Amino acid sequence: MRVVLALALMLAACSKSSDVLEDLPNSSLAGAPREDVPETRLESTLTRPVTIGEDGQRLDACGAMGQVVRVGAKGLPVRAAPFAEAKEIARIVEGSRAWVCTRSIDQKWLGVVLAPEPPADNETAPADCGVSDPVDRKQPYDGPCLSGWVSSAAIRLIAG
């Protein structure tokens, strides 16, 4: 048995080695030269929902409130996933507020639920996003307000 194993290892050492990634076509763009296809092209269609309830059943679904700062006239892009190439789903202006519910592992992105603008007539209450109360478990946000991912550098925590 040991002889067979040793023989198999010797044969494997003699085989041609190559980078598997260079031999495979690039997903939906089969046949295209690999260097002509950006790696982020496929990822740009991915989405990652914002998770609420990460602080447990006794605390609010989103643990902090943040305010948009230092974004200039163009505003802050809200993305469908926590990376710069993700689809932009909205843009919020400086001074806007958002509930901060989660963050990316590298701490560069915050998963937020956008606070609705107060009604102009001040007679009706703004929509309740459902993140100011505890939830039973960690779960993707599916409430009535817009949610997405923003750069953590553009959010200043103001509560929580």
N, C-alpha and C. Protein backbone atom coordinates (compact mmCIF):
# COMPACT_ATOMS: atom_id res chain seq x y z
N MET A 1 0.82 -1.19 0.00
CA MET A 1 0.00 0.00 0.00
C MET A 1 0.86 1.26 0.00
N ARG A 2 1.93 1.24 0.81
CA ARG A 2 2.82 2.39 0.86
C ARG A 2 3.54 2.60 -0.47
N VAL A 3 3.85 1.52 -1.13
CA VAL A 3 4.54 1.62 -2.42
C VAL A 3 3.63 2.31 -3.44
N VAL A 4 2.36 1.96 -3.44
CA VAL A 4 1.40 2.56 -4.37
C VAL A 4 1.26 4.05 -4.08
N LEU A 5 1.17 4.41 -2.82
CA LEU A 5 1.05 5.81 -2.44
C LEU A 5 2.30 6.60 -2.83
N ALA A 6 3.46 6.04 -2.61
CA ALA A 6 4.71 6.71 -2.98
C ALA A 6 4.80 6.88 -4.48
N LEU A 7 4.39 5.86 -5.24
CA LEU A 7 4.40 5.94 -6.70
C LEU A 7 3.44 7.03 -7.19
N ALA A 8 2.27 7.13 -6.60
CA ALA A 8 1.29 8.15 -6.98
C ALA A 8 1.83 9.56 -6.69
N LEU A 9 2.51 9.73 -5.57
CA LEU A 9 3.07 11.03 -5.24
C LEU A 9 4.20 11.41 -6.20
N MET A 10 5.00 10.44 -6.61
CA MET A 10 6.08 10.72 -7.56
C MET A 10 5.53 11.14 -8.91
N LEU A 11 4.48 10.46 -9.36
CA LEU A 11 3.86 10.80 -10.64
C LEU A 11 3.21 12.17 -10.59
N ALA A 12 2.60 12.50 -9.47
CA ALA A 12 1.98 13.81 -9.33
C ALA A 12 3.02 14.92 -9.36
N ALA A 13 4.18 14.68 -8.81
CA ALA A 13 5.24 15.68 -8.81
C ALA A 13 5.77 15.94 -10.22
N CYS A 14 5.67 14.96 -11.09
CA CYS A 14 6.16 15.10 -12.46
C CYS A 14 5.14 15.74 -13.40
N SER A 15 3.91 15.84 -12.99
CA SER A 15 2.87 16.37 -13.89
C SER A 15 3.06 17.86 -14.11
N LYS A 16 2.54 18.33 -15.23
CA LYS A 16 2.62 19.75 -15.58
C LYS A 16 1.73 20.54 -14.62
N SER A 17 2.28 21.58 -14.04
CA SER A 17 1.47 22.42 -13.17
C SER A 17 1.17 23.72 -13.90
N SER A 18 -0.03 24.25 -13.70
CA SER A 18 -0.40 25.54 -14.29
C SER A 18 -1.44 26.19 -13.41
N ASP A 19 -1.62 27.46 -13.62
CA ASP A 19 -2.61 28.20 -12.86
C ASP A 19 -4.00 27.89 -13.41
N VAL A 20 -4.82 27.27 -12.60
CA VAL A 20 -6.15 26.88 -13.04
C VAL A 20 -6.97 28.09 -13.48
N LEU A 21 -6.82 29.21 -12.78
CA LEU A 21 -7.59 30.40 -13.13
C LEU A 21 -7.32 30.88 -14.54
N GLU A 22 -6.08 30.70 -15.02
CA GLU A 22 -5.74 31.14 -16.37
C GLU A 22 -6.33 30.21 -17.42
N ASP A 23 -6.61 28.96 -17.06
CA ASP A 23 -7.15 27.99 -18.01
C ASP A 23 -8.66 28.08 -18.14
N LEU A 24 -9.33 28.65 -17.16
CA LEU A 24 -10.79 28.70 -17.18
C LEU A 24 -11.28 29.98 -17.83
N PRO A 25 -12.42 29.90 -18.57
CA PRO A 25 -13.00 31.14 -19.10
C PRO A 25 -13.58 31.96 -17.97
N ASN A 26 -13.75 33.25 -18.21
CA ASN A 26 -14.25 34.17 -17.18
C ASN A 26 -15.77 34.18 -17.19
N SER A 27 -16.39 33.34 -16.41
CA SER A 27 -17.83 33.23 -16.17
C SER A 27 -18.65 33.48 -17.42
N SER A 28 -19.49 34.53 -17.41
CA SER A 28 -20.42 34.77 -18.49
C SER A 28 -19.74 35.31 -19.74
N LEU A 29 -18.49 35.63 -19.64
CA LEU A 29 -17.77 36.20 -20.78
C LEU A 29 -16.78 35.19 -21.34
N ALA A 30 -17.23 33.94 -21.49
CA ALA A 30 -16.37 32.87 -21.97
C ALA A 30 -15.77 33.25 -23.32
N GLY A 31 -14.51 32.97 -23.44
CA GLY A 31 -13.82 33.26 -24.68
C GLY A 31 -13.12 34.60 -24.67
N ALA A 32 -13.49 35.50 -23.79
CA ALA A 32 -12.84 36.80 -23.72
C ALA A 32 -11.49 36.63 -23.05
N PRO A 33 -10.50 37.34 -23.54
CA PRO A 33 -9.19 37.26 -22.86
C PRO A 33 -9.33 37.68 -21.40
N ARG A 34 -8.73 36.97 -20.52
CA ARG A 34 -8.89 37.20 -19.09
C ARG A 34 -8.49 38.61 -18.67
N GLU A 35 -7.42 39.16 -19.22
CA GLU A 35 -6.98 40.47 -18.79
C GLU A 35 -7.92 41.59 -19.25
N ASP A 36 -8.82 41.33 -20.20
CA ASP A 36 -9.75 42.36 -20.69
C ASP A 36 -11.03 42.44 -19.87
N VAL A 37 -11.23 41.52 -18.93
CA VAL A 37 -12.47 41.45 -18.18
C VAL A 37 -12.20 41.82 -16.73
N PRO A 38 -12.73 42.94 -16.25
CA PRO A 38 -12.48 43.32 -14.85
C PRO A 38 -13.13 42.33 -13.89
N GLU A 39 -12.45 42.05 -12.81
CA GLU A 39 -12.96 41.11 -11.81
C GLU A 39 -14.26 41.59 -11.19
N THR A 40 -14.47 42.89 -11.10
CA THR A 40 -15.65 43.43 -10.43
C THR A 40 -16.88 43.43 -11.31
N ARG A 41 -16.75 43.13 -12.58
CA ARG A 41 -17.91 43.16 -13.47
C ARG A 41 -19.00 42.20 -13.02
N LEU A 42 -18.63 40.99 -12.64
CA LEU A 42 -19.59 40.02 -12.16
C LEU A 42 -20.15 40.43 -10.81
N GLU A 43 -19.29 40.92 -9.91
CA GLU A 43 -19.71 41.28 -8.56
C GLU A 43 -20.66 42.47 -8.52
N SER A 44 -20.63 43.32 -9.52
CA SER A 44 -21.43 44.54 -9.47
C SER A 44 -22.93 44.27 -9.43
N THR A 45 -23.35 43.07 -9.76
CA THR A 45 -24.78 42.74 -9.72
C THR A 45 -25.18 42.11 -8.39
N LEU A 46 -24.24 41.86 -7.51
CA LEU A 46 -24.55 41.23 -6.23
C LEU A 46 -25.18 42.21 -5.26
N THR A 47 -26.03 41.71 -4.40
CA THR A 47 -26.61 42.52 -3.33
C THR A 47 -26.43 41.80 -2.01
N ARG A 48 -26.38 42.57 -0.96
CA ARG A 48 -26.32 42.01 0.39
C ARG A 48 -27.26 42.82 1.25
N PRO A 49 -28.32 42.19 1.74
CA PRO A 49 -29.27 42.95 2.56
C PRO A 49 -28.64 43.40 3.87
N VAL A 50 -29.15 44.50 4.39
CA VAL A 50 -28.71 45.02 5.68
C VAL A 50 -29.31 44.14 6.77
N THR A 51 -28.50 43.72 7.73
CA THR A 51 -28.96 42.88 8.83
C THR A 51 -29.34 43.75 10.01
N ILE A 52 -30.50 43.46 10.59
CA ILE A 52 -30.93 44.15 11.81
C ILE A 52 -30.96 43.14 12.96
N GLY A 53 -30.97 43.64 14.18
CA GLY A 53 -31.06 42.77 15.35
C GLY A 53 -29.74 42.18 15.81
N GLU A 54 -28.64 42.72 15.38
CA GLU A 54 -27.34 42.16 15.74
C GLU A 54 -26.97 42.38 17.21
N ASP A 55 -27.62 43.32 17.86
CA ASP A 55 -27.30 43.61 19.26
C ASP A 55 -28.11 42.78 20.25
N GLY A 56 -28.95 41.91 19.76
CA GLY A 56 -29.73 41.02 20.64
C GLY A 56 -31.17 41.45 20.80
N GLN A 57 -31.93 40.62 21.51
CA GLN A 57 -33.38 40.81 21.66
C GLN A 57 -33.76 41.93 22.61
N ARG A 58 -32.85 42.42 23.40
CA ARG A 58 -33.19 43.46 24.38
C ARG A 58 -32.91 44.87 23.89
N LEU A 59 -32.20 45.00 22.77
CA LEU A 59 -31.84 46.32 22.26
C LEU A 59 -32.53 46.58 20.92
N ASP A 60 -32.55 47.84 20.51
CA ASP A 60 -33.18 48.21 19.25
C ASP A 60 -32.61 47.41 18.09
N ALA A 61 -33.41 47.23 17.06
CA ALA A 61 -32.99 46.48 15.89
C ALA A 61 -31.76 47.10 15.24
N CYS A 62 -31.68 48.41 15.25
CA CYS A 62 -30.49 49.13 14.78
C CYS A 62 -29.97 49.95 15.95
N GLY A 63 -28.73 49.74 16.32
CA GLY A 63 -28.22 50.27 17.57
C GLY A 63 -27.77 51.71 17.60
N ALA A 64 -27.69 52.39 16.45
CA ALA A 64 -27.16 53.76 16.46
C ALA A 64 -27.83 54.59 15.37
N MET A 65 -27.73 55.89 15.54
CA MET A 65 -28.20 56.84 14.53
C MET A 65 -26.97 57.60 14.05
N GLY A 66 -26.87 57.77 12.74
CA GLY A 66 -25.74 58.49 12.19
C GLY A 66 -26.21 59.62 11.29
N GLN A 67 -25.29 60.56 11.04
CA GLN A 67 -25.59 61.70 10.18
C GLN A 67 -24.51 61.78 9.11
N VAL A 68 -24.93 62.06 7.87
CA VAL A 68 -24.01 62.15 6.74
C VAL A 68 -23.19 63.43 6.87
N VAL A 69 -21.86 63.30 6.76
CA VAL A 69 -20.94 64.44 6.84
C VAL A 69 -19.89 64.36 5.74
N ARG A 70 -19.35 65.51 5.37
CA ARG A 70 -18.22 65.63 4.43
C ARG A 70 -18.43 64.91 3.10
N VAL A 71 -19.58 65.08 2.47
CA VAL A 71 -19.81 64.41 1.20
C VAL A 71 -19.92 65.37 0.02
N GLY A 72 -20.02 66.66 0.28
CA GLY A 72 -20.07 67.64 -0.80
C GLY A 72 -21.41 67.68 -1.51
N ALA A 73 -21.42 68.35 -2.65
CA ALA A 73 -22.66 68.60 -3.38
C ALA A 73 -23.26 67.35 -4.02
N LYS A 74 -22.42 66.39 -4.35
CA LYS A 74 -22.93 65.18 -5.01
C LYS A 74 -23.67 64.25 -4.05
N GLY A 75 -23.41 64.37 -2.77
CA GLY A 75 -24.07 63.50 -1.79
C GLY A 75 -23.32 62.19 -1.61
N LEU A 76 -23.91 61.32 -0.83
CA LEU A 76 -23.32 60.03 -0.47
C LEU A 76 -24.07 58.90 -1.19
N PRO A 77 -23.36 58.09 -1.99
CA PRO A 77 -24.05 56.97 -2.64
C PRO A 77 -24.41 55.88 -1.64
N VAL A 78 -25.61 55.35 -1.79
CA VAL A 78 -26.06 54.20 -1.02
C VAL A 78 -25.99 53.01 -1.98
N ARG A 79 -25.28 51.97 -1.59
CA ARG A 79 -25.02 50.85 -2.48
C ARG A 79 -25.77 49.59 -2.04
N ALA A 80 -25.95 48.67 -2.99
CA ALA A 80 -26.68 47.43 -2.74
C ALA A 80 -25.86 46.40 -1.97
N ALA A 81 -24.55 46.60 -1.90
CA ALA A 81 -23.66 45.68 -1.18
C ALA A 81 -22.47 46.48 -0.67
N PRO A 82 -21.71 45.93 0.28
CA PRO A 82 -20.61 46.69 0.88
C PRO A 82 -19.31 46.67 0.07
N PHE A 83 -19.34 47.21 -1.13
CA PHE A 83 -18.13 47.44 -1.91
C PHE A 83 -18.40 48.51 -2.95
N ALA A 84 -17.36 49.21 -3.35
CA ALA A 84 -17.50 50.39 -4.21
C ALA A 84 -18.09 50.09 -5.58
N GLU A 85 -17.93 48.89 -6.08
CA GLU A 85 -18.44 48.55 -7.40
C GLU A 85 -19.90 48.09 -7.38
N ALA A 86 -20.50 47.98 -6.21
CA ALA A 86 -21.90 47.55 -6.10
C ALA A 86 -22.81 48.62 -6.70
N LYS A 87 -23.96 48.21 -7.13
CA LYS A 87 -24.92 49.12 -7.76
C LYS A 87 -25.35 50.22 -6.78
N GLU A 88 -25.38 51.44 -7.28
CA GLU A 88 -25.87 52.56 -6.48
C GLU A 88 -27.39 52.55 -6.51
N ILE A 89 -28.02 52.51 -5.34
CA ILE A 89 -29.48 52.45 -5.28
C ILE A 89 -30.11 53.76 -4.86
N ALA A 90 -29.31 54.66 -4.30
CA ALA A 90 -29.82 55.98 -3.89
C ALA A 90 -28.62 56.87 -3.61
N ARG A 91 -28.92 58.13 -3.36
CA ARG A 91 -27.88 59.09 -2.98
C ARG A 91 -28.50 59.99 -1.92
N ILE A 92 -27.78 60.19 -0.81
CA ILE A 92 -28.30 61.02 0.27
C ILE A 92 -27.39 62.23 0.47
N VAL A 93 -28.00 63.31 0.87
CA VAL A 93 -27.27 64.58 0.98
C VAL A 93 -26.68 64.74 2.38
N GLU A 94 -25.73 65.68 2.47
CA GLU A 94 -25.11 65.97 3.74
C GLU A 94 -26.16 66.42 4.76
N GLY A 95 -26.03 65.92 5.98
CA GLY A 95 -26.97 66.25 7.04
C GLY A 95 -28.09 65.23 7.18
N SER A 96 -28.29 64.36 6.18
CA SER A 96 -29.32 63.32 6.27
C SER A 96 -28.98 62.36 7.41
N ARG A 97 -30.01 61.75 7.95
CA ARG A 97 -29.82 60.80 9.05
C ARG A 97 -30.17 59.40 8.60
N ALA A 98 -29.50 58.44 9.25
CA ALA A 98 -29.75 57.03 8.94
C ALA A 98 -29.51 56.21 10.20
N TRP A 99 -30.27 55.14 10.36
CA TRP A 99 -30.02 54.19 11.45
C TRP A 99 -28.88 53.29 11.01
N VAL A 100 -27.91 53.13 11.87
CA VAL A 100 -26.78 52.25 11.59
C VAL A 100 -27.10 50.90 12.22
N CYS A 101 -27.19 49.87 11.37
CA CYS A 101 -27.64 48.56 11.83
C CYS A 101 -26.53 47.51 11.87
N THR A 102 -25.58 47.61 10.98
CA THR A 102 -24.52 46.61 10.88
C THR A 102 -23.31 47.25 10.21
N ARG A 103 -22.22 46.52 10.13
CA ARG A 103 -21.02 47.02 9.44
C ARG A 103 -20.33 45.85 8.77
N SER A 104 -19.52 46.17 7.77
CA SER A 104 -18.76 45.14 7.07
C SER A 104 -17.61 44.66 7.97
N ILE A 105 -17.06 43.53 7.65
CA ILE A 105 -15.98 42.96 8.46
C ILE A 105 -14.78 43.90 8.51
N ASP A 106 -14.48 44.57 7.40
CA ASP A 106 -13.33 45.48 7.37
C ASP A 106 -13.64 46.87 7.93
N GLN A 107 -14.86 47.09 8.39
CA GLN A 107 -15.30 48.34 9.02
C GLN A 107 -15.39 49.51 8.04
N LYS A 108 -15.26 49.29 6.74
CA LYS A 108 -15.30 50.37 5.77
C LYS A 108 -16.72 50.72 5.33
N TRP A 109 -17.68 49.83 5.58
CA TRP A 109 -19.05 50.03 5.13
C TRP A 109 -20.01 49.85 6.29
N LEU A 110 -21.05 50.70 6.30
CA LEU A 110 -22.11 50.58 7.29
C LEU A 110 -23.40 50.18 6.59
N GLY A 111 -24.09 49.21 7.16
CA GLY A 111 -25.42 48.86 6.68
C GLY A 111 -26.42 49.76 7.37
N VAL A 112 -27.15 50.56 6.59
CA VAL A 112 -28.03 51.57 7.17
C VAL A 112 -29.47 51.43 6.67
N VAL A 113 -30.37 51.96 7.47
CA VAL A 113 -31.76 52.16 7.07
C VAL A 113 -31.96 53.67 7.08
N LEU A 114 -32.39 54.20 5.96
CA LEU A 114 -32.50 55.65 5.82
C LEU A 114 -33.74 56.18 6.50
N ALA A 115 -33.53 57.17 7.33
CA ALA A 115 -34.65 57.82 8.02
C ALA A 115 -35.44 58.62 6.98
N PRO A 116 -36.76 58.47 6.97
CA PRO A 116 -37.55 59.22 5.99
C PRO A 116 -37.55 60.71 6.29
N GLU A 117 -37.69 61.50 5.25
CA GLU A 117 -37.78 62.95 5.42
C GLU A 117 -39.08 63.28 6.14
N PRO A 118 -39.08 64.23 7.06
CA PRO A 118 -40.32 64.60 7.72
C PRO A 118 -41.28 65.23 6.70
N PRO A 119 -42.57 64.98 6.83
CA PRO A 119 -43.54 65.56 5.89
C PRO A 119 -43.49 67.08 5.93
N ALA A 120 -43.68 67.67 4.78
CA ALA A 120 -43.63 69.14 4.67
C ALA A 120 -44.74 69.82 5.47
N ASP A 121 -45.88 69.15 5.60
CA ASP A 121 -47.01 69.78 6.28
C ASP A 121 -46.92 69.68 7.81
N ASN A 122 -45.99 68.85 8.31
CA ASN A 122 -45.82 68.63 9.75
C ASN A 122 -47.08 68.14 10.45
N GLU A 123 -48.08 67.73 9.68
CA GLU A 123 -49.31 67.23 10.29
C GLU A 123 -49.33 65.71 10.37
N THR A 124 -48.64 65.07 9.46
CA THR A 124 -48.60 63.61 9.48
C THR A 124 -47.23 63.16 9.99
N ALA A 125 -47.21 62.05 10.66
CA ALA A 125 -45.95 61.52 11.20
C ALA A 125 -45.15 60.86 10.08
N PRO A 126 -43.83 60.94 10.13
CA PRO A 126 -43.01 60.26 9.13
C PRO A 126 -43.18 58.75 9.26
N ALA A 127 -42.88 58.03 8.21
CA ALA A 127 -43.01 56.57 8.22
C ALA A 127 -42.13 55.97 9.31
N ASP A 128 -42.65 54.95 9.97
CA ASP A 128 -41.88 54.23 10.98
C ASP A 128 -41.12 53.11 10.27
N CYS A 129 -39.82 53.14 10.34
CA CYS A 129 -39.00 52.14 9.64
C CYS A 129 -38.94 50.81 10.39
N GLY A 130 -39.39 50.78 11.63
CA GLY A 130 -39.43 49.53 12.38
C GLY A 130 -38.08 49.09 12.94
N VAL A 131 -37.15 50.01 13.12
CA VAL A 131 -35.84 49.63 13.64
C VAL A 131 -35.55 50.22 15.02
N SER A 132 -36.51 50.94 15.58
CA SER A 132 -36.33 51.56 16.89
C SER A 132 -36.77 50.66 18.03
N ASP A 133 -37.26 49.49 17.71
CA ASP A 133 -37.68 48.51 18.71
C ASP A 133 -36.89 47.22 18.53
N PRO A 134 -36.81 46.40 19.56
CA PRO A 134 -36.10 45.12 19.42
C PRO A 134 -36.80 44.18 18.43
N VAL A 135 -36.02 43.26 17.87
CA VAL A 135 -36.56 42.18 17.04
C VAL A 135 -36.14 40.86 17.66
N ASP A 136 -36.84 39.79 17.31
CA ASP A 136 -36.61 38.48 17.93
C ASP A 136 -35.24 37.88 17.63
N ARG A 137 -34.72 38.16 16.40
CA ARG A 137 -33.47 37.53 15.98
C ARG A 137 -32.80 38.38 14.92
N LYS A 138 -31.55 38.07 14.62
CA LYS A 138 -30.89 38.73 13.50
C LYS A 138 -31.62 38.35 12.22
N GLN A 139 -31.84 39.34 11.37
CA GLN A 139 -32.57 39.07 10.13
C GLN A 139 -32.32 40.18 9.11
N PRO A 140 -32.53 39.89 7.84
CA PRO A 140 -32.41 40.95 6.83
C PRO A 140 -33.53 41.97 7.01
N TYR A 141 -33.21 43.24 6.83
CA TYR A 141 -34.23 44.29 6.94
C TYR A 141 -35.16 44.19 5.74
N ASP A 142 -36.47 44.19 6.01
CA ASP A 142 -37.46 44.16 4.92
C ASP A 142 -38.59 45.14 5.18
N GLY A 143 -38.30 46.21 5.90
CA GLY A 143 -39.31 47.20 6.25
C GLY A 143 -39.60 48.18 5.12
N PRO A 144 -40.37 49.20 5.43
CA PRO A 144 -40.84 50.14 4.41
C PRO A 144 -39.80 51.19 3.97
N CYS A 145 -38.72 51.33 4.70
CA CYS A 145 -37.73 52.36 4.38
C CYS A 145 -36.60 51.78 3.54
N LEU A 146 -35.91 52.65 2.85
CA LEU A 146 -34.79 52.24 2.01
C LEU A 146 -33.61 51.84 2.89
N SER A 147 -32.95 50.76 2.52
CA SER A 147 -31.75 50.32 3.24
C SER A 147 -30.65 50.03 2.24
N GLY A 148 -29.41 50.12 2.71
CA GLY A 148 -28.27 49.85 1.84
C GLY A 148 -26.97 50.07 2.59
N TRP A 149 -25.90 50.21 1.84
CA TRP A 149 -24.55 50.29 2.39
C TRP A 149 -23.91 51.62 2.03
N VAL A 150 -23.28 52.26 3.01
CA VAL A 150 -22.60 53.54 2.79
C VAL A 150 -21.19 53.47 3.38
N SER A 151 -20.33 54.34 2.88
CA SER A 151 -18.97 54.41 3.40
C SER A 151 -18.99 54.87 4.85
N SER A 152 -18.30 54.16 5.72
CA SER A 152 -18.30 54.52 7.14
C SER A 152 -17.59 55.85 7.38
N ALA A 153 -16.73 56.27 6.47
CA ALA A 153 -16.02 57.55 6.63
C ALA A 153 -16.96 58.75 6.52
N ALA A 154 -18.12 58.56 5.92
CA ALA A 154 -19.06 59.68 5.70
C ALA A 154 -20.19 59.73 6.72
N ILE A 155 -20.14 58.89 7.73
CA ILE A 155 -21.20 58.86 8.75
C ILE A 155 -20.60 59.20 10.12
N ARG A 156 -21.21 60.19 10.78
CA ARG A 156 -20.83 60.55 12.15
C ARG A 156 -21.94 60.04 13.07
N LEU A 157 -21.59 59.24 14.04
CA LEU A 157 -22.59 58.73 14.97
C LEU A 157 -23.08 59.85 15.86
N ILE A 158 -24.41 59.97 15.99
CA ILE A 158 -24.98 61.03 16.81
C ILE A 158 -25.82 60.48 17.96
N ALA A 159 -26.14 59.19 17.93
CA ALA A 159 -26.90 58.58 19.02
C ALA A 159 -26.64 57.08 18.99
N GLY A 160 -26.65 56.49 20.19
CA GLY A 160 -26.55 55.04 20.28
C GLY A 160 -25.23 54.51 20.67
